[in-house]
Protein backbone atom coordinates (compact mmCIF):
# COMPACT_ATOMS: atom_id res chain seq x y z
CA MET A 1 -20.34 -26.83 -13.57
CA THR A 2 -17.60 -24.19 -13.33
CA THR A 3 -16.25 -22.99 -16.67
CA ILE A 4 -13.68 -20.21 -16.93
CA ASN A 5 -12.79 -18.13 -19.97
CA LYS A 6 -9.02 -17.84 -20.39
CA ALA A 7 -7.80 -14.54 -21.84
CA PHE A 8 -4.41 -13.32 -20.65
CA PRO A 9 -1.36 -11.51 -21.99
CA ALA A 10 1.08 -13.66 -23.95
CA GLU A 11 3.56 -13.19 -21.10
CA LYS A 12 1.64 -15.52 -18.78
CA PRO A 13 3.83 -18.59 -18.26
CA TYR A 14 2.68 -22.17 -18.71
CA VAL A 15 1.51 -23.21 -15.24
CA SER A 16 1.36 -26.76 -13.93
CA VAL A 17 0.39 -27.61 -10.36
CA TRP A 18 0.75 -30.75 -8.30
CA LEU A 19 -2.37 -31.80 -6.42
CA PRO A 20 -1.37 -34.24 -3.61
CA PHE A 21 -3.90 -36.91 -2.69
CA TRP A 22 -3.34 -36.37 1.06
CA SER A 23 -4.55 -32.76 0.91
CA PHE A 24 -7.22 -33.20 -1.74
CA ASP A 25 -9.91 -30.92 -0.29
CA ARG A 26 -7.55 -27.99 0.25
CA GLY A 27 -5.91 -28.39 -3.16
CA TYR A 28 -9.15 -28.89 -5.05
CA GLY A 29 -10.60 -25.79 -3.38
CA SER A 30 -7.70 -23.69 -4.66
CA LEU A 31 -7.98 -25.29 -8.11
CA LEU A 32 -11.60 -24.18 -8.40
CA LYS A 33 -10.61 -20.59 -7.62
CA ASN A 34 -7.78 -20.46 -10.16
CA LEU A 35 -8.94 -22.51 -13.14
CA SER A 36 -8.26 -19.73 -15.63
CA LEU A 37 -4.57 -19.54 -14.68
CA ILE A 38 -3.70 -23.25 -14.75
CA ASP A 39 -2.67 -25.22 -17.84
CA GLU A 40 -1.93 -28.60 -16.31
CA VAL A 41 -2.82 -30.48 -13.11
CA ASN A 42 -0.57 -33.30 -11.96
CA PHE A 43 -2.69 -35.35 -9.59
CA PHE A 44 -0.11 -36.86 -7.22
CA ILE A 45 -1.85 -40.21 -6.67
CA TYR A 46 0.23 -43.16 -7.90
CA SER A 47 3.17 -45.02 -6.37
CA ILE A 48 4.90 -48.35 -6.97
CA ASN A 49 5.18 -51.10 -4.38
CA ASP A 50 7.95 -53.68 -3.94
CA ASN A 51 6.17 -56.04 -6.32
CA SER A 52 6.25 -53.43 -9.09
CA ASP A 53 2.50 -52.91 -8.80
CA LEU A 54 1.05 -49.49 -9.50
CA ILE A 55 -0.85 -48.33 -6.41
CA CYS A 56 -3.56 -45.68 -6.57
CA ASN A 57 -3.77 -43.64 -3.36
CA THR A 58 -7.09 -41.93 -3.96
CA SER A 59 -10.65 -42.83 -4.89
CA LYS A 60 -12.15 -43.16 -8.35
CA GLU A 61 -14.61 -40.46 -7.29
CA ASN A 62 -11.79 -37.98 -6.63
CA ILE A 63 -10.17 -38.74 -9.98
CA GLU A 64 -13.45 -38.22 -11.83
CA THR A 65 -14.19 -35.04 -9.89
CA VAL A 66 -10.89 -33.47 -10.95
CA GLN A 67 -11.21 -34.87 -14.46
CA ASN A 68 -14.63 -33.32 -14.97
CA ILE A 69 -13.57 -29.84 -13.93
CA THR A 70 -10.29 -29.92 -15.89
CA ASN A 71 -11.92 -31.27 -19.05
CA ILE A 72 -14.52 -28.53 -19.33
CA ASN A 73 -11.88 -25.86 -18.63
CA ASN A 74 -9.36 -27.16 -21.17
CA ILE A 75 -6.78 -28.07 -18.52
CA LYS A 76 -4.61 -31.15 -18.91
CA LEU A 77 -5.01 -33.70 -16.13
CA ILE A 78 -1.83 -35.78 -16.01
CA PRO A 79 -1.33 -38.01 -12.95
CA THR A 80 2.00 -38.29 -11.16
CA ILE A 81 3.81 -41.51 -10.28
CA SER A 82 6.29 -41.01 -7.44
CA GLY A 83 9.55 -42.80 -6.72
CA ARG A 84 13.09 -42.22 -5.55
CA GLY A 85 16.55 -43.36 -6.57
CA ASN A 86 16.53 -46.61 -8.49
CA TYR A 87 12.88 -47.24 -7.75
CA PHE A 88 11.90 -47.44 -11.39
CA ASN A 89 15.10 -49.21 -12.34
CA GLN A 90 14.65 -52.05 -9.88
CA CYS A 91 11.06 -52.74 -10.80
CA ASN A 92 9.78 -55.08 -13.46
CA GLN A 93 9.67 -52.57 -16.28
CA GLU A 94 7.25 -54.50 -18.43
CA ASN A 95 4.79 -54.83 -15.54
CA ILE A 96 4.86 -51.18 -14.54
CA ILE A 97 4.64 -49.98 -18.15
CA LYS A 98 1.60 -52.19 -18.70
CA SER A 99 0.02 -50.79 -15.52
CA ILE A 100 0.64 -47.20 -16.63
CA LYS A 101 -0.77 -47.93 -20.08
CA ASP A 102 -3.91 -49.45 -18.51
CA VAL A 103 -4.43 -46.45 -16.21
CA VAL A 104 -3.96 -43.94 -19.04
CA ALA A 105 -6.43 -45.88 -21.19
CA THR A 106 -9.01 -46.30 -18.40
CA TYR A 107 -9.27 -42.57 -17.68
CA ASN A 108 -8.11 -41.34 -21.10
CA PHE A 109 -5.36 -39.30 -19.44
CA PRO A 110 -3.35 -37.23 -21.93
CA GLY A 111 -0.11 -38.53 -20.44
CA ILE A 112 1.86 -39.36 -17.31
CA ASP A 113 4.16 -37.41 -14.94
CA ILE A 114 7.15 -39.35 -13.60
CA ASN A 115 8.46 -37.98 -10.28
CA PHE A 116 12.07 -39.12 -10.42
CA GLU A 117 14.43 -38.05 -7.61
CA THR A 118 17.77 -39.02 -6.17
CA ASP A 119 17.17 -40.58 -2.75
CA TYR A 120 19.25 -38.49 -0.37
CA GLY A 121 17.68 -40.31 2.57
CA SER A 122 19.78 -43.39 1.85
CA THR A 123 23.37 -43.89 2.95
CA PRO A 124 25.02 -43.53 0.54
CA PRO A 125 22.42 -41.64 -1.55
CA VAL A 126 20.75 -43.83 -4.18
CA GLU A 127 21.22 -42.15 -7.54
CA ILE A 128 19.86 -42.87 -10.98
CA ASP A 129 20.87 -45.77 -13.21
CA LYS A 130 20.88 -43.67 -16.36
CA GLU A 131 20.83 -46.48 -18.90
CA LYS A 132 17.98 -48.42 -17.28
CA PHE A 133 15.93 -45.27 -16.86
CA LYS A 134 16.38 -44.29 -20.50
CA ILE A 135 15.23 -47.75 -21.56
CA PHE A 136 12.21 -47.44 -19.29
CA ILE A 137 11.16 -44.06 -20.74
CA LYS A 138 11.75 -45.21 -24.32
CA LYS A 139 9.59 -48.31 -23.81
CA LEU A 140 6.92 -46.27 -22.02
CA LYS A 141 6.68 -43.77 -24.89
CA LYS A 142 6.38 -46.56 -27.44
CA GLU A 143 3.56 -48.22 -25.50
CA LEU A 144 1.65 -45.00 -24.77
CA GLY A 145 1.99 -43.64 -28.31
CA ALA A 146 3.23 -40.37 -29.76
CA ASP A 147 0.03 -38.51 -28.81
CA LYS A 148 0.53 -39.08 -25.08
CA GLN A 149 2.64 -36.69 -23.00
CA ILE A 150 5.46 -37.79 -20.71
CA ASN A 151 6.78 -35.41 -18.03
CA ILE A 152 9.79 -36.05 -15.83
CA THR A 153 10.22 -34.30 -12.48
CA LEU A 154 13.83 -33.94 -11.40
CA GLY A 155 15.55 -32.95 -8.18
CA SER A 156 18.79 -31.07 -7.70
CA GLY A 157 20.97 -34.16 -7.91
CA GLU A 158 19.91 -34.87 -11.46
CA LEU A 159 21.82 -31.80 -12.70
CA LYS A 160 24.89 -33.98 -12.19
CA LEU A 161 23.75 -36.17 -15.09
CA ASN A 162 25.38 -35.55 -18.44
CA LYS A 163 24.05 -33.86 -21.56
CA ASN A 164 23.91 -37.10 -23.55
CA PHE A 165 21.48 -38.50 -20.99
CA PHE A 166 19.06 -35.63 -21.54
CA ASN A 167 19.60 -35.43 -25.28
CA GLU A 168 18.40 -39.00 -25.62
CA LEU A 169 15.46 -38.47 -23.25
CA GLU A 170 14.27 -35.36 -25.12
CA GLN A 171 13.11 -37.59 -27.97
CA TYR A 172 10.52 -39.14 -25.66
CA VAL A 173 9.84 -36.52 -22.95
CA ASN A 174 7.59 -33.48 -23.41
CA LEU A 175 8.39 -31.55 -20.23
CA PHE A 176 11.21 -31.60 -17.68
CA LYS A 177 10.41 -30.07 -14.29
CA PHE A 178 13.38 -29.05 -12.15
CA MET A 179 12.55 -28.59 -8.47
CA ALA A 180 14.31 -25.34 -7.55
CA TYR A 181 13.80 -25.81 -3.82
CA ASP A 182 14.81 -27.94 -0.81
CA TYR A 183 18.53 -27.89 -1.54
CA TYR A 184 19.58 -27.64 2.08
CA GLY A 185 18.72 -29.93 4.96
CA LEU A 186 19.66 -33.19 6.62
CA TRP A 187 18.90 -35.04 3.36
CA GLY A 188 22.06 -33.82 1.61
CA GLU A 189 24.72 -31.18 1.11
CA PHE A 190 24.06 -30.27 -2.52
CA GLY A 191 23.26 -26.57 -2.75
CA ALA A 192 21.59 -24.57 -5.49
CA SER A 193 23.68 -22.05 -7.36
CA GLY A 194 22.50 -18.81 -8.93
CA ASP A 195 23.14 -20.41 -12.32
CA PHE A 196 20.77 -23.31 -11.63
CA MET A 197 18.53 -22.94 -14.67
CA GLU A 198 21.45 -21.83 -16.83
CA GLU A 199 22.99 -25.21 -16.04
CA ALA A 200 19.71 -26.96 -16.84
CA LYS A 201 19.47 -25.13 -20.18
CA LYS A 202 22.82 -26.62 -21.18
CA LEU A 203 21.21 -30.03 -20.82
CA ILE A 204 17.65 -29.51 -22.08
CA SER A 205 15.85 -27.24 -24.56
CA ALA A 206 14.45 -24.21 -22.73
CA GLN A 207 10.93 -24.68 -24.10
CA LYS A 208 10.78 -28.10 -22.46
CA LEU A 209 11.78 -26.74 -19.05
CA LEU A 210 9.49 -25.84 -16.15
CA LEU A 211 10.94 -24.16 -13.07
CA GLY A 212 9.74 -25.90 -9.91
CA ILE A 213 8.28 -23.38 -7.44
CA PRO A 214 7.63 -24.09 -3.73
CA ALA A 215 4.29 -22.86 -2.37
CA TYR A 216 5.35 -23.64 1.20
CA GLY A 217 8.07 -22.53 3.62
CA ARG A 218 10.44 -24.12 6.09
CA ASP A 219 10.22 -23.80 9.84
CA TRP A 220 13.83 -24.16 10.90
CA GLY A 221 12.91 -24.57 14.55
CA LYS A 222 11.32 -27.91 13.76
CA ARG A 223 12.89 -31.09 12.44
CA TYR A 224 13.55 -30.53 8.78
CA ASP A 225 14.51 -34.06 7.81
CA ASP A 226 10.82 -34.88 7.35
CA THR A 227 7.49 -33.20 6.66
CA GLU A 228 7.36 -31.63 10.11
CA GLY A 229 9.74 -28.93 8.88
CA SER A 230 7.53 -27.77 6.01
CA ILE A 231 4.90 -25.14 6.68
CA ILE A 232 2.13 -23.96 4.36
CA TYR A 233 0.93 -20.36 4.10
CA SER A 234 -2.19 -20.75 6.26
CA GLN A 235 0.04 -22.11 9.05
CA ILE A 236 2.57 -19.32 8.51
CA GLU A 237 -0.24 -16.79 8.83
CA GLU A 238 -1.52 -18.38 12.00
CA LEU A 239 1.94 -18.66 13.52
CA PHE A 240 2.93 -15.08 12.68
CA CYS A 241 -0.36 -13.73 14.06
CA SER A 242 -0.37 -15.72 17.29
CA LYS A 243 -0.27 -13.71 20.50
CA ASN A 244 2.88 -15.56 21.48
CA ASN A 245 4.65 -13.94 18.52
CA ILE A 246 3.14 -10.47 18.64
CA ASP A 247 6.58 -8.86 18.29
CA SER A 248 7.59 -10.89 15.23
CA LYS A 249 8.79 -8.80 12.31
CA TRP A 250 8.18 -9.85 8.70
CA GLU A 251 11.39 -9.26 6.72
CA TRP A 252 12.59 -9.53 3.13
CA ASP A 253 15.98 -10.99 2.21
CA GLU A 254 17.20 -9.34 -0.99
CA GLU A 255 19.92 -11.88 -1.75
CA SER A 256 17.71 -14.99 -1.62
CA LYS A 257 14.54 -13.15 -2.69
CA ALA A 258 12.60 -14.73 0.16
CA SER A 259 10.61 -13.57 3.19
CA HIS A 260 11.34 -14.64 6.75
CA PHE A 261 10.52 -13.93 10.36
CA SER A 262 11.71 -15.05 13.77
CA TYR A 263 9.49 -16.27 16.57
CA ILE A 264 9.64 -17.74 20.04
CA THR A 265 8.34 -21.28 20.48
CA PHE A 266 6.20 -22.25 23.45
CA GLU A 267 9.38 -23.81 24.85
CA GLY A 268 11.10 -20.41 24.72
CA LYS A 269 13.37 -21.19 21.78
CA GLN A 270 13.95 -18.53 19.14
CA THR A 271 13.75 -19.86 15.61
CA GLN A 272 12.93 -18.80 12.04
CA VAL A 273 10.51 -19.40 9.20
CA TRP A 274 11.62 -18.79 5.61
CA TYR A 275 9.07 -18.57 2.86
CA GLU A 276 8.88 -17.92 -0.88
CA GLY A 277 5.66 -16.12 -1.71
CA PRO A 278 4.30 -13.75 -4.37
CA LYS A 279 7.26 -11.38 -4.33
CA GLY A 280 9.74 -14.23 -4.66
CA LEU A 281 7.67 -15.65 -7.51
CA TYR A 282 7.74 -12.27 -9.26
CA TYR A 283 11.54 -12.32 -9.29
CA LYS A 284 11.71 -15.94 -10.43
CA LEU A 285 9.41 -15.19 -13.34
CA ASN A 286 11.16 -11.98 -14.37
CA ASP A 287 14.79 -12.89 -13.56
CA ILE A 288 14.77 -16.55 -14.61
CA VAL A 289 11.73 -17.86 -16.49
CA LYS A 290 11.31 -15.02 -19.00
CA PRO A 291 14.96 -14.11 -19.66
CA GLU A 292 15.96 -17.76 -20.02
CA GLY A 293 13.04 -18.48 -22.33
CA LEU A 294 11.65 -21.27 -20.17
CA LYS A 295 8.21 -22.66 -20.91
CA GLY A 296 6.85 -21.90 -17.44
CA ILE A 297 6.56 -23.07 -13.84
CA ALA A 298 5.47 -26.11 -11.83
CA ILE A 299 4.05 -25.40 -8.37
CA TRP A 300 4.33 -27.73 -5.38
CA ALA A 301 1.63 -27.80 -4.28
CA ILE A 302 -1.75 -26.25 -4.95
CA GLY A 303 -3.59 -25.43 -1.73
CA GLN A 304 -0.38 -24.65 0.18
CA GLU A 305 0.16 -21.22 -1.36
CA ASN A 306 -0.35 -17.61 -0.43
CA PRO A 307 -3.39 -16.77 -2.62
CA LYS A 308 -1.62 -13.65 -3.86
CA ILE A 309 0.73 -15.72 -6.04
CA TRP A 310 -2.14 -16.02 -8.53
CA ASP A 311 -2.17 -12.24 -8.96
CA VAL A 312 1.52 -12.42 -9.89
CA ILE A 313 0.89 -15.24 -12.37
CA LYS A 314 -1.97 -13.30 -13.93
CA ASN A 315 0.18 -10.19 -14.39
CA SER A 316 3.81 -11.09 -13.85
CA SER A 317 5.07 -7.65 -14.94
CA ALA A 318 3.47 -5.87 -11.98
CA GLU A 319 5.83 -6.00 -9.00
CA PRO A 320 4.10 -6.73 -5.69
CA ALA A 321 4.21 -4.02 -3.04
CA ILE A 322 7.14 -4.32 -0.66
CA LEU A 323 5.02 -5.63 2.23
CA ASP A 324 2.39 -7.50 0.23
CA GLU A 325 3.31 -10.86 1.79
CA GLN A 326 2.97 -9.91 5.43
CA PRO A 327 -0.18 -11.40 6.97
CA LEU A 328 -2.64 -8.73 8.07
CA CYS A 329 -3.86 -10.80 11.02
CA LEU A 330 -7.39 -9.48 10.57
CA ASN A 331 -9.35 -12.59 9.67
CA LEU A 332 -8.17 -15.03 12.31
CA LYS A 333 -10.52 -15.93 15.11
CA PRO A 334 -9.25 -15.32 18.66
CA ASP A 335 -9.24 -19.02 19.52
CA ARG A 336 -7.08 -19.76 16.46
CA ILE A 337 -4.69 -16.98 17.40
CA LEU A 338 -4.41 -18.33 20.91
CA LEU A 339 -3.70 -21.83 19.65
CA GLY A 340 -0.70 -20.69 17.63
CA LEU A 341 1.77 -23.53 17.20
CA ASN A 342 -0.65 -26.19 18.42
CA ASN A 343 -2.30 -26.26 15.00
CA LEU A 344 0.89 -26.87 13.01
């Protein structure tokens, strides 16, 4: 069994990662390579149906596999329950709380991660019923007990909620994760400001805040109102290195602290990919997380990333070289290069 000794400078941030059930093999493979750098794994496996039943979307074998490796490496394994808008508010709270309590007891999980987002896909957007949600969290904490951790994952829309809302929740919630990504698209017009985490700090204690970090990019030539617009690093590498895009130039945008490149689709359309990789992470750690005194970062999602981000996490004071993100295009087989976009 793999056991890793953790010994890093005090500057290393607290690192949590989401592990989605639909990309288990890829995510678990990355987890095994980076055990020493991870403090918490949020296994993204639970959802709630219309009858307020808790649905598990993976096998018991997968849960136990992740649990075994995290236990022996002193990593918290806290599963995620996903929902949008008033999803939790409309459900039978007593039923879902009982289901969560049973799951936590069955696997002896140290807590639960609630993925709570405004539903921008609805018209009008379905936002949060603050009072009902506070009651839900308060009841959940009472049932789980003081020794169990509760995390809440929040999207951009939740910054509109008032300070009293968060002040009351802080009594029951251990970590708040703000997703600092996906602010623009067909799902809504709310945009992130440069003072994003400064705004969050006015609502929540800094040492309970994790900055949400995207490990993927956006292909703006595709539809970006669904998952077809997201693109993980291995796909970015393959796309950039395809023969069809041999003249593509990898560029750095200083204002947004993100990399991007243009390419020509097989249909002859010029479009762009934007991506936040190791260099962008360096700036987020050194311009936001450290100066603002935040606890750390939450990465969506393990297995999607450029492997070099782990070097930045290990030593966040060492700035990556200016071109460190550009794929070298040395390890791709010719048939993969020829396929290009067909594999996306």
